Protein backbone atom coordinates (compact mmCIF):
# COMPACT_ATOMS: atom_id res chain seq x y z
CA MET A 1 0.49 -8.46 -36.47
CA SER A 2 1.91 -7.56 -33.04
CA ARG A 3 1.66 -9.80 -30.04
CA THR A 4 0.53 -8.42 -26.72
CA GLN A 5 3.18 -8.49 -24.05
CA PRO A 6 2.22 -10.42 -20.93
CA PRO A 7 2.03 -8.32 -17.77
CA ARG A 8 5.09 -8.06 -15.54
CA MET A 9 4.12 -10.28 -12.62
CA PHE A 10 5.53 -9.12 -9.29
CA HIS A 11 5.64 -11.71 -6.53
CA ILE A 12 5.00 -10.09 -3.17
CA LYS A 13 4.85 -11.15 0.44
CA ARG A 14 2.93 -9.06 2.95
CA SER A 15 3.88 -8.38 6.55
CA GLU A 16 3.22 -11.22 8.97
CA ARG A 17 0.08 -9.52 10.23
CA CYS A 18 -1.79 -6.24 10.34
CA TYR A 19 -0.92 -3.76 13.08
CA ARG A 20 -3.13 -1.15 14.68
CA LEU A 21 -2.38 2.34 13.36
CA LYS A 22 -0.98 3.87 16.52
CA PRO A 23 2.44 5.25 17.54
CA GLU A 24 3.55 2.20 19.55
CA ALA A 25 2.86 -0.16 16.65
CA LEU A 26 4.69 2.12 14.22
CA ARG A 27 7.78 2.23 16.40
CA ALA A 28 7.79 -1.55 16.82
CA HIS A 29 6.74 -2.77 13.37
CA ALA A 30 6.83 -0.17 10.57
CA PRO A 31 9.85 -0.62 8.30
CA ARG A 32 12.38 2.15 8.03
CA ARG A 33 12.76 1.72 4.29
CA PRO A 34 10.81 2.77 1.19
CA GLY A 35 7.92 0.54 0.21
CA VAL A 36 4.23 -0.03 -0.26
CA TYR A 37 1.75 -0.09 2.60
CA GLU A 38 -2.00 -0.38 3.11
CA LEU A 39 -4.37 1.16 5.61
CA LEU A 40 -7.19 -1.28 6.39
CA SER A 41 -10.26 -1.85 8.47
CA CYS A 42 -12.83 -4.63 8.67
CA ASP A 43 -15.85 -4.80 6.41
CA ALA A 44 -19.36 -5.70 7.59
CA LYS A 45 -18.50 -9.42 7.43
CA GLY A 46 -15.29 -9.03 9.45
CA GLY A 47 -12.99 -9.37 6.46
CA PRO A 48 -10.23 -6.91 5.62
CA GLU A 49 -11.20 -3.78 3.69
CA VAL A 50 -8.36 -1.86 2.07
CA LEU A 51 -9.04 1.83 2.68
CA TYR A 52 -5.85 3.23 1.15
CA VAL A 53 -2.76 1.95 -0.66
CA GLY A 54 0.28 4.10 0.01
CA LEU A 55 3.67 4.46 -1.59
CA ALA A 56 6.63 5.53 0.53
CA LEU A 57 9.27 6.58 -1.96
CA PRO A 58 11.75 8.11 -1.26
CA GLN A 59 10.45 8.32 2.33
CA THR A 60 10.26 5.26 4.55
CA ILE A 61 7.07 3.39 5.37
CA TYR A 62 7.55 4.47 8.99
CA GLU A 63 7.76 8.16 7.99
CA ARG A 64 4.65 7.99 5.77
CA LEU A 65 2.57 6.16 8.39
CA ALA A 66 3.68 8.68 11.03
CA ALA A 67 2.59 11.48 8.69
CA HIS A 68 -0.91 9.91 8.46
CA LEU A 69 -1.05 9.77 12.26
CA MET A 70 0.10 13.38 12.68
CA GLY A 71 -2.40 14.64 10.11
CA ASN A 72 0.26 15.73 7.60
CA VAL A 73 -0.77 13.29 4.84
CA ARG A 74 -4.26 12.46 3.63
CA PRO A 75 -6.11 10.47 4.47
CA THR A 76 -5.27 11.38 8.03
CA ALA A 77 -5.77 8.83 10.78
CA ASP A 78 -8.54 11.04 12.19
CA GLU A 79 -10.34 11.12 8.82
CA LEU A 80 -10.18 7.34 8.57
CA ARG A 81 -11.43 6.84 12.12
CA GLN A 82 -14.52 8.94 11.44
CA SER A 83 -15.98 6.02 9.50
CA HIS A 84 -13.77 3.16 10.73
CA PRO A 85 -13.03 3.06 14.46
CA ASN A 86 -10.34 0.39 14.03
CA VAL A 87 -7.68 1.21 11.46
CA TYR A 88 -4.71 -1.07 10.79
CA PHE A 89 -1.67 -1.07 8.54
CA ASP A 90 0.29 -3.72 6.74
CA PHE A 91 3.08 -3.50 4.19
CA ILE A 92 4.82 -5.39 1.45
CA ALA A 93 7.63 -7.20 3.27
CA GLU A 94 9.23 -8.73 0.15
CA ALA A 95 8.96 -8.21 -3.60
CA ASP A 96 10.95 -9.36 -6.60
CA ILE A 97 11.79 -5.89 -7.86
CA GLU A 98 14.84 -4.84 -9.84
CA SER A 99 14.79 -1.25 -8.57
CA GLN A 100 12.91 0.79 -5.99
CA GLU A 101 11.08 2.56 -8.83
CA GLU A 102 9.14 -0.68 -9.41
CA LEU A 103 7.48 -0.13 -6.03
CA ARG A 104 5.34 2.35 -8.00
CA ASP A 105 4.14 -0.53 -10.20
CA ILE A 106 3.20 -2.65 -7.18
CA ALA A 107 1.35 0.24 -5.53
CA GLY A 108 -0.53 0.98 -8.75
CA ALA A 109 -1.51 -2.67 -9.27
CA LEU A 110 -2.79 -2.92 -5.68
CA MET A 111 -4.78 0.30 -6.09
CA ILE A 112 -6.43 -1.06 -9.21
CA ARG A 113 -7.10 -4.44 -7.57
CA HIS A 114 -8.63 -3.10 -4.34
CA ASN A 115 -10.07 0.22 -5.57
CA PRO A 116 -9.68 1.80 -2.10
CA ARG A 117 -12.10 4.61 -1.36
CA HIS A 118 -9.32 6.99 -0.26
CA ASN A 119 -7.11 6.64 -3.36
CA LEU A 120 -7.65 8.64 -6.54
CA LEU A 121 -7.29 6.15 -9.38
CA GLN A 122 -7.16 8.49 -12.37
CA ASN A 123 -3.39 7.99 -12.57
CA PRO A 124 -2.15 5.08 -10.44
CA PRO A 125 1.61 5.20 -9.87
CA SER A 126 3.85 3.49 -12.40
CA SER A 127 7.56 3.21 -13.06
CA GLY A 128 6.90 3.42 -16.79
CA LYS A 129 9.10 0.34 -17.33
CA HIS A 130 6.29 -2.11 -18.00
CA HIS A 131 3.28 -1.99 -20.30
CA ARG A 132 1.10 -3.86 -17.79
CA VAL A 133 1.71 -5.16 -14.28
CA ASP A 134 0.06 -7.49 -11.81
CA VAL A 135 0.93 -8.86 -8.38
CA MET A 136 0.81 -12.37 -7.00
CA GLU A 137 0.98 -12.97 -3.28
CA ALA A 138 3.25 -15.69 -1.94
């Protein structure tokens, strides 16, 4: 009889706040390192709604967010603003990862958790190192 392995629990800390998806905010706040980011808006009750979970690897979060703004990566900022006039971004500021490849696991777990309308969830990203993963916010 085999025992099921517990999921690899990643402890994450998000950015201090959400920033409006615009060039000035990117220059001032978007990290210039690989990572995981989210594009968000507000739902009908004023709470955050995750529209898209993105993975910047090997690119930087800054480069990927700029690509959304310039229309080079989908969903483009214009596409998002068609249904959400106010679009914001946040990012994972800290995570207990052993390698950058595990950013794939965090992105995949967040996609599964939030089921964002602009992500295709047939094959969420994964490093392949862990059988199952989950994230816990600090």
